[in-house]
Protein backbone atom coordinates (compact mmCIF):
# COMPACT_ATOMS: atom_id res chain seq x y z
CA MET A 1 18.51 32.15 -0.90
CA SER A 2 15.35 34.21 -1.16
CA GLN A 3 12.68 33.43 1.41
CA LYS A 4 10.14 32.64 -1.29
CA TYR A 5 12.08 29.51 -2.22
CA SER A 6 11.92 28.08 1.29
CA SER A 7 8.30 28.87 2.14
CA GLU A 8 5.60 26.23 2.38
CA GLU A 9 3.34 28.46 0.28
CA TYR A 10 5.83 28.48 -2.57
CA ARG A 11 6.18 24.69 -2.55
CA ILE A 12 2.40 24.37 -2.61
CA ARG A 13 2.14 26.76 -5.57
CA ILE A 14 4.70 24.74 -7.51
CA ALA A 15 2.96 21.44 -6.79
CA ARG A 16 -0.51 22.79 -7.55
CA ARG A 17 0.67 24.24 -10.85
CA LEU A 18 2.19 20.90 -11.87
CA PHE A 19 -0.92 18.96 -10.78
CA ALA A 20 -3.10 21.39 -12.75
CA SER A 21 -0.98 20.83 -15.85
CA TYR A 22 -1.31 17.05 -15.47
CA TYR A 23 -5.10 17.14 -15.05
CA SER A 24 -5.51 19.57 -17.96
CA ARG A 25 -3.75 17.08 -20.24
CA ASN A 26 -5.31 13.86 -18.94
CA SER A 27 -8.86 12.57 -18.67
CA ILE A 28 -9.49 10.43 -15.58
CA ASP A 29 -11.62 7.33 -16.05
CA PRO A 30 -14.38 7.00 -13.44
CA PRO A 31 -14.99 3.88 -11.34
CA THR A 32 -17.76 1.47 -12.23
CA SER A 33 -21.30 2.56 -11.30
CA LEU A 34 -20.16 6.18 -11.15
CA PRO A 35 -23.53 7.74 -10.12
CA GLN A 36 -23.62 5.48 -7.04
CA ARG A 37 -20.19 6.47 -5.72
CA GLU A 38 -19.30 9.16 -3.23
CA PHE A 39 -16.22 11.27 -3.98
CA ALA A 40 -13.94 13.13 -1.60
CA PHE A 41 -11.18 15.66 -2.26
CA SER A 42 -8.36 17.25 -0.28
CA LYS A 43 -7.11 20.67 -1.34
CA PHE A 44 -3.54 21.94 -1.33
CA ASP A 45 -4.32 24.90 0.89
CA SER A 46 -6.55 23.16 3.44
CA SER A 47 -6.48 20.11 5.70
CA THR A 48 -10.26 19.78 5.44
CA MET A 49 -11.59 17.00 3.24
CA ILE A 50 -14.45 17.90 0.90
CA ARG A 51 -16.90 14.99 0.93
CA HIS A 52 -20.38 13.90 -0.16
CA ILE A 53 -19.91 14.76 -3.83
CA SER A 54 -21.25 12.64 -6.69
CA PHE A 55 -21.09 12.78 -10.48
CA ASN A 56 -23.39 11.45 -13.16
CA ASN A 57 -20.81 11.14 -15.91
CA LYS A 58 -17.11 11.19 -16.70
CA GLU A 59 -17.25 14.71 -18.12
CA ASP A 60 -18.60 16.21 -14.89
CA LEU A 61 -15.95 14.40 -12.85
CA ASN A 62 -13.09 15.66 -14.98
CA GLU A 63 -14.49 19.19 -15.14
CA TYR A 64 -14.56 19.30 -11.33
CA ILE A 65 -10.98 18.02 -11.07
CA LYS A 66 -9.67 20.54 -13.61
CA ALA A 67 -11.49 23.42 -11.92
CA ASN A 68 -10.42 22.58 -8.35
CA VAL A 69 -7.02 20.83 -8.78
CA PRO A 70 -7.20 18.70 -5.62
CA GLN A 71 -4.14 17.33 -3.88
CA HIS A 72 -5.84 13.97 -3.18
CA ILE A 73 -8.84 12.30 -4.85
CA TYR A 74 -10.84 9.48 -3.29
CA TYR A 75 -14.02 7.56 -4.11
CA SER A 76 -16.14 5.21 -2.04
CA SER A 77 -15.79 1.45 -2.15
CA ALA A 78 -19.50 1.53 -1.33
CA TYR A 79 -22.45 1.96 -3.68
CA TYR A 80 -25.18 4.34 -2.51
CA GLN A 81 -28.69 5.34 -3.55
CA ARG A 82 -27.89 8.96 -2.67
CA PRO A 83 -24.09 9.31 -2.52
CA SER A 84 -24.18 13.10 -2.12
CA ALA A 85 -26.31 12.98 1.05
CA GLU A 86 -24.29 14.53 3.89
CA ASN A 87 -25.77 12.25 6.54
CA MET A 88 -24.28 8.76 6.14
CA ASP A 89 -27.53 7.15 7.29
CA GLU A 90 -29.39 8.89 4.46
CA LYS A 91 -27.08 7.74 1.67
CA GLY A 92 -28.81 4.36 1.29
CA TRP A 93 -26.01 1.77 1.35
CA LEU A 94 -26.34 -0.73 -1.51
CA GLY A 95 -23.17 -2.75 -1.00
CA ALA A 96 -19.41 -2.35 -1.31
CA ASP A 97 -16.43 -3.73 -3.15
CA LEU A 98 -13.98 -5.81 -1.12
CA ILE A 99 -10.72 -3.84 -0.78
CA PHE A 100 -7.32 -4.98 0.45
CA ASP A 101 -4.58 -2.50 1.29
CA ILE A 102 -0.90 -3.45 1.45
CA ASP A 103 1.32 -0.68 2.77
CA VAL A 104 5.03 -1.20 3.49
CA ASP A 105 4.85 1.46 6.18
CA HIS A 106 3.61 -1.35 8.45
CA ILE A 107 6.26 -3.87 7.34
CA PRO A 108 9.74 -3.70 8.96
CA THR A 109 11.69 -3.87 5.70
CA LYS A 110 15.49 -3.75 5.83
CA CYS A 111 15.59 -0.88 3.34
CA LYS A 112 14.08 1.44 5.96
CA GLU A 113 17.65 1.86 7.23
CA LEU A 114 18.37 3.62 3.94
CA HIS A 115 15.51 6.12 3.97
CA ASP A 116 13.33 6.29 7.10
CA TYR A 117 14.56 8.90 9.59
CA TRP A 118 13.25 9.19 13.15
CA LYS A 119 13.77 11.72 15.90
CA CYS A 120 12.74 11.26 19.50
CA LEU A 121 10.65 14.14 20.81
CA ASN A 122 11.49 13.15 24.37
CA CYS A 123 15.30 12.94 24.45
CA GLY A 124 16.32 14.30 21.04
CA ALA A 125 18.00 11.11 19.82
CA SER A 126 17.68 10.35 16.11
CA GLY A 127 18.54 7.64 13.63
CA TRP A 128 17.61 5.65 10.54
CA GLY A 129 15.52 2.50 10.18
CA TYR A 130 12.45 0.86 11.66
CA THR A 131 11.80 1.20 15.38
CA GLU A 132 8.71 1.38 17.55
CA LYS A 133 10.40 3.12 20.46
CA CYS A 134 13.43 5.31 20.95
CA PRO A 135 16.40 2.98 21.62
CA SER A 136 17.93 5.63 23.90
CA CYS A 137 15.08 6.46 26.27
CA GLY A 138 12.28 4.05 25.38
CA SER A 139 9.79 6.76 24.43
CA ASP A 140 7.29 6.08 21.64
CA LYS A 141 6.99 9.79 20.86
CA LEU A 142 8.85 9.73 17.57
CA GLU A 143 8.79 12.17 14.67
CA TRP A 144 9.28 10.49 11.31
CA GLU A 145 10.38 11.37 7.80
CA LYS A 146 9.61 8.33 5.65
CA TRP A 147 10.39 7.59 2.02
CA VAL A 148 9.71 4.79 -0.40
CA CYS A 149 12.12 2.94 -2.68
CA ASP A 150 12.00 0.15 -5.24
CA ILE A 151 12.93 -2.37 -2.53
CA CYS A 152 9.87 -1.30 -0.50
CA ILE A 153 7.62 -1.70 -3.51
CA ASN A 154 9.01 -5.16 -4.19
CA TYR A 155 8.08 -6.22 -0.64
CA ALA A 156 4.55 -4.92 -1.22
CA ARG A 157 4.45 -6.61 -4.63
CA GLU A 158 5.32 -9.97 -3.05
CA GLU A 159 2.48 -9.52 -0.57
CA ILE A 160 -0.05 -8.73 -3.28
CA ILE A 161 1.04 -11.83 -5.22
CA LYS A 162 0.37 -13.97 -2.11
CA LEU A 163 -3.04 -12.32 -1.77
CA ILE A 164 -3.97 -13.01 -5.40
CA ASP A 165 -3.04 -16.67 -4.91
CA ILE A 166 -5.27 -17.02 -1.85
CA LEU A 167 -8.25 -15.23 -3.40
CA GLU A 168 -7.96 -17.27 -6.58
CA ASN A 169 -7.18 -20.73 -5.20
CA ASP A 170 -8.78 -20.72 -1.75
CA PHE A 171 -11.86 -18.55 -2.39
CA GLY A 172 -12.32 -19.34 -6.07
CA TYR A 173 -12.48 -15.74 -7.30
CA SER A 174 -11.52 -15.11 -10.89
CA ARG A 175 -8.71 -12.74 -11.80
CA SER A 176 -11.21 -11.02 -14.06
CA ASP A 177 -13.04 -9.87 -10.91
CA MET A 178 -9.85 -8.36 -9.47
CA PHE A 179 -7.83 -5.32 -10.28
CA VAL A 180 -4.82 -3.96 -8.49
CA THR A 181 -3.80 -0.32 -8.16
CA PHE A 182 -0.42 1.06 -7.28
CA SER A 183 -1.31 3.54 -4.55
CA GLY A 184 1.15 6.18 -5.75
CA HIS A 185 3.10 5.85 -2.53
CA ARG A 186 3.92 2.84 -0.36
CA GLY A 187 2.06 -0.10 -1.83
CA PHE A 188 -0.98 -1.50 -3.56
CA HIS A 189 -4.74 -1.82 -3.27
CA LEU A 190 -6.56 -4.89 -4.54
CA HIS A 191 -10.19 -4.35 -5.52
CA LEU A 192 -12.59 -7.27 -5.78
CA GLU A 193 -15.69 -6.24 -7.71
CA ASN A 194 -17.97 -9.25 -7.54
CA GLU A 195 -21.66 -9.58 -6.78
CA ASP A 196 -20.87 -12.28 -4.20
CA VAL A 197 -18.89 -9.88 -2.00
CA ARG A 198 -20.93 -6.71 -2.45
CA ASP A 199 -23.43 -7.49 0.32
CA LEU A 200 -20.93 -8.84 2.85
CA ASP A 201 -21.17 -7.18 6.26
CA GLN A 202 -18.20 -6.21 8.43
CA ASP A 203 -18.13 -9.54 10.28
CA ALA A 204 -17.91 -11.51 7.06
CA ARG A 205 -15.17 -9.23 5.75
CA ARG A 206 -13.29 -9.65 9.02
CA GLU A 207 -13.37 -13.42 8.56
CA ILE A 208 -11.84 -13.03 5.10
CA SER A 209 -9.23 -10.68 6.52
CA ASP A 210 -8.39 -13.13 9.29
CA TYR A 211 -8.07 -15.96 6.77
CA VAL A 212 -5.60 -14.22 4.47
CA ARG A 213 -3.60 -13.04 7.52
CA GLY A 214 -3.44 -16.57 8.92
CA VAL A 215 -5.21 -15.59 12.14
CA GLY A 216 -6.39 -18.45 14.35
CA LEU A 217 -4.38 -21.23 12.69
CA GLU A 218 -3.35 -23.52 15.54
CA THR A 219 -0.54 -26.04 15.15
CA LYS A 220 -2.60 -28.96 16.45
CA LEU A 221 -5.08 -28.58 13.58
CA PHE A 222 -2.44 -29.82 11.15
CA LEU A 223 -0.98 -32.72 13.16
CA THR A 224 -1.81 -36.29 14.04
CA ARG A 225 -0.23 -38.28 16.87
CA ASP A 226 2.51 -40.80 16.18
CA GLY A 227 3.41 -42.30 19.56
CA LYS A 228 5.28 -39.60 21.48
CA ASN A 229 5.76 -37.59 18.29
CA TYR A 230 3.48 -36.08 15.68
CA ARG A 231 3.10 -36.20 11.92
CA TYR A 232 1.75 -33.61 9.48
CA ARG A 233 -1.63 -34.91 8.39
CA TYR A 234 -1.81 -33.25 4.94
CA ASN A 235 0.15 -33.33 1.69
CA VAL A 236 1.06 -30.55 -0.75
CA VAL A 237 -2.10 -30.98 -2.83
CA ALA A 238 -4.40 -30.35 0.13
CA PRO A 239 -6.51 -27.22 -0.36
CA GLY A 240 -6.07 -23.99 1.53
CA TRP A 241 -3.63 -23.37 4.33
CA ALA A 242 -2.95 -27.09 4.90
CA GLY A 243 -1.40 -27.56 1.46
CA ARG A 244 0.26 -24.15 1.50
CA ILE A 245 2.04 -24.93 4.77
CA ALA A 246 3.00 -28.40 3.51
CA LYS A 247 4.78 -26.88 0.51
CA TYR A 248 6.62 -24.44 2.76
CA LEU A 249 7.75 -27.24 5.09
CA LEU A 250 9.10 -29.30 2.20
CA LEU A 251 10.96 -26.35 0.69
CA ASN A 252 12.41 -24.97 3.90
CA ASN A 253 13.28 -28.02 5.99
CA GLU A 254 15.36 -31.10 5.40
CA THR A 255 13.30 -34.26 5.67
CA ASP A 256 15.14 -37.22 7.13
CA GLY A 257 16.57 -39.29 4.30
CA GLY A 258 14.07 -37.95 1.79
CA VAL A 259 11.08 -39.20 3.82
CA ASP A 260 7.73 -37.87 2.62
CA LEU A 261 6.30 -35.10 4.76
CA GLU A 262 3.41 -37.30 5.85
CA GLN A 263 5.88 -39.89 7.16
CA LEU A 264 8.00 -37.39 9.06
CA SER A 265 7.69 -37.95 12.82
CA LYS A 266 8.83 -35.10 15.05
CA PRO A 267 8.13 -33.69 18.55
CA PHE A 268 5.26 -31.22 18.86
CA GLU A 269 7.60 -28.27 19.51
CA TRP A 270 9.46 -28.92 16.25
CA TRP A 271 6.21 -28.81 14.33
CA HIS A 272 4.96 -25.80 16.27
CA GLN A 273 8.09 -23.79 15.52
CA ASN A 274 8.12 -24.65 11.82
CA ILE A 275 4.39 -24.28 11.21
CA LYS A 276 4.38 -20.87 12.93
CA ALA A 277 7.32 -19.85 10.74
CA ALA A 278 5.36 -20.97 7.68
CA ILE A 279 2.26 -19.00 8.67
CA ASN A 280 4.32 -15.89 9.40
CA GLU A 281 5.95 -16.12 5.98
CA LEU A 282 2.82 -17.02 3.99
CA ALA A 283 0.26 -14.76 5.70
CA VAL A 284 -0.57 -11.60 3.77
CA LYS A 285 0.26 -8.37 5.59
CA ILE A 286 -2.88 -6.38 4.83
CA ASP A 287 -4.38 -3.46 6.72
CA GLU A 288 -7.39 -5.14 8.31
CA LYS A 289 -9.25 -1.85 8.85
CA VAL A 290 -9.49 -1.25 5.11
CA THR A 291 -10.86 -4.71 4.33
CA ILE A 292 -13.61 -4.72 6.95
CA ASP A 293 -14.74 -1.15 6.20
CA ILE A 294 -17.96 -1.17 4.16
CA LYS A 295 -17.84 2.59 3.52
CA ARG A 296 -14.14 3.06 2.76
CA LEU A 297 -12.77 5.91 0.71
CA ILE A 298 -10.01 4.72 -1.63
CA ARG A 299 -7.70 6.52 -4.06
CA LEU A 300 -9.00 7.06 -7.58
CA PRO A 301 -6.89 5.40 -10.30
CA GLY A 302 -5.48 7.99 -12.67
CA SER A 303 -5.21 10.62 -9.94
CA LEU A 304 -1.96 11.85 -8.39
CA HIS A 305 -0.92 11.03 -4.87
CA GLY A 306 -0.66 14.32 -3.02
CA LYS A 307 2.42 13.33 -0.99
CA THR A 308 4.51 12.03 -3.89
CA GLY A 309 3.26 13.40 -7.20
CA LEU A 310 3.19 9.80 -8.48
CA LYS A 311 0.21 8.46 -10.37
CA VAL A 312 -2.25 5.99 -8.91
CA PHE A 313 -2.72 3.47 -11.70
CA THR A 314 -4.40 0.15 -12.39
CA ILE A 315 -2.36 -2.96 -12.99
CA SER A 316 -3.64 -6.46 -13.75
CA PRO A 317 -2.83 -9.43 -11.49
CA ASN A 318 -0.70 -10.90 -14.28
CA GLU A 319 1.29 -7.67 -14.61
CA VAL A 320 1.93 -7.58 -10.86
CA GLU A 321 3.54 -11.00 -11.17
CA ASN A 322 5.62 -10.12 -14.22
CA LEU A 323 6.75 -6.52 -13.70
CA ASP A 324 9.61 -5.61 -11.39
CA SER A 325 9.27 -2.83 -8.84
CA GLU A 326 11.41 -0.32 -10.74
CA THR A 327 9.19 -0.71 -13.80
CA ILE A 328 6.10 -0.16 -11.66
CA LEU A 329 7.57 3.03 -10.17
CA LYS A 330 8.58 4.33 -13.60
CA ARG A 331 5.04 3.79 -14.85
CA ALA A 332 3.80 6.05 -12.03
CA ILE A 333 6.00 8.99 -13.06
CA VAL A 334 4.15 11.80 -14.83
CA PHE A 335 6.45 14.79 -14.42
CA SER A 336 9.53 15.74 -16.41
CA GLU A 337 13.06 14.33 -16.08
CA GLU A 338 14.45 17.86 -16.37
CA ARG A 339 17.25 18.28 -13.82
CA VAL A 340 16.52 20.74 -11.01
CA LYS A 341 18.21 21.62 -7.73
CA VAL A 342 16.72 21.20 -4.26
CA ARG A 343 18.02 21.31 -0.71
CA LEU A 344 17.08 18.39 1.56
CA SER A 345 18.48 17.47 4.95
CA PRO A 346 18.77 14.88 6.32
CA LEU A 347 19.30 13.20 2.97
CA PRO A 348 18.20 9.56 2.65
CA ARG A 349 20.55 7.15 0.93
CA LYS A 350 17.79 5.87 -1.35
CA ILE A 351 14.52 7.30 -2.73
CA LEU A 352 12.53 5.47 -5.42
CA TYR A 353 15.33 3.84 -7.45
CA TYR A 354 17.87 6.64 -6.86
CA ASN A 355 20.87 6.16 -4.59
CA PHE A 356 22.54 9.06 -2.80
CA ASN A 357 25.93 9.19 -1.22
CA SER A 358 25.54 9.07 2.55
CA GLY A 359 28.02 11.93 2.80
CA GLU A 360 26.02 14.26 0.56
CA ASN A 361 24.25 17.13 2.23
CA GLY A 362 22.59 20.33 1.26
CA ILE A 363 21.91 21.00 -2.42
CA ILE A 364 21.45 18.09 -4.85
CA GLU A 365 20.43 17.91 -8.51
CA VAL A 366 17.60 15.49 -9.30
CA PRO A 367 14.90 14.92 -11.95
CA MET A 368 11.87 17.18 -11.57
CA TYR A 369 9.55 14.30 -10.62
CA LEU A 370 11.87 13.37 -7.76
CA ALA A 371 12.10 17.00 -6.65
CA VAL A 372 8.29 17.15 -6.51
CA TYR A 373 8.24 14.06 -4.30
CA MET A 374 10.91 15.57 -2.05
CA MET A 375 8.95 18.81 -1.68
CA LEU A 376 5.61 17.14 -1.00
CA ASN A 377 6.90 14.50 1.38
CA GLY A 378 10.01 15.93 2.97
CA ASN A 379 9.89 19.70 2.77
CA ALA A 380 12.77 19.91 0.33
CA GLU A 381 13.50 23.52 -0.65
CA PRO A 382 13.64 24.29 -4.38
CA VAL A 383 16.85 26.08 -5.34
CA SER A 384 16.33 26.31 -9.09
CA LYS A 385 13.07 26.98 -10.95
CA ILE A 386 10.70 23.99 -11.04
CA GLY A 387 7.93 23.67 -13.59
């Protein structure tokens, strides 16, 4: 095969041409309060991020995107008086949206055995699945090739549904103040645009993060003594974590002879084990750093994710609950289903909602949008013409 088909430069040219075609045909809607937002862009041919850019209107934003064809597009969760000022202290911070990030990269899902490949840089061992250290030598110096599938996205979807429930029922925020975006890769972002949260400092945002993650919930807070044993002091209609844990305990444990939860008398260790299991299951697995950051850059809905070629798009809380993960992934696809050939090794057994035979190697034929993902994320080599 000609060298041009295996070069990084050629893959970049293909991807940039396809991104340019997408942006030439689509107008990207700006975030709210556009003149107060900072924008940042990453280019295909550079690892340097271009920051401190602002736009006064939608037309200027789209003209810039069409002219520069960035690989990644971000905007600030913060509102600024002077968003284009290069010194952060001179921007004039006016507040920030509250952002939650759910990324399955940090969740040890079972499907990682199908598509996440690791290689130890210390001893050379390799394998599939989630691991923090090399099982052969114990080194944490691992090189990864990670992919996403519909099972991954369903895990992330379940987490975002738990988050919506907590924000709505424990904090009292309306769904009309929330919008969710599929990140174009491994999960979702939830944006809360509400005047009540805009002025929150990092400490206040950390408290919210701790609450949704179930941090600091001690078993003894939920129990009352009953002789040598203990009883759960709340019922299922109790607000917040107390009621949420009560529901979990009723659904996941047999109560003696149908006894009400409040009448159930058990040793402390029994309660401790089951309450901790409830918190672990019900806590939302968010990236705390994103939530507490008052100057975060977040992906722009409507843009393409530069490592997948999938679209970042907005989805309502109700849609998150009602759409399955395959439908969500299909909505993110913007490139053609034309069949093209690429070479990828090692070949995962599952990418997006496509299954591959574990014995397949070398050249495979896939839809163009999947080939783009394989080139951007896994250095797949195009064999036939793409785009």
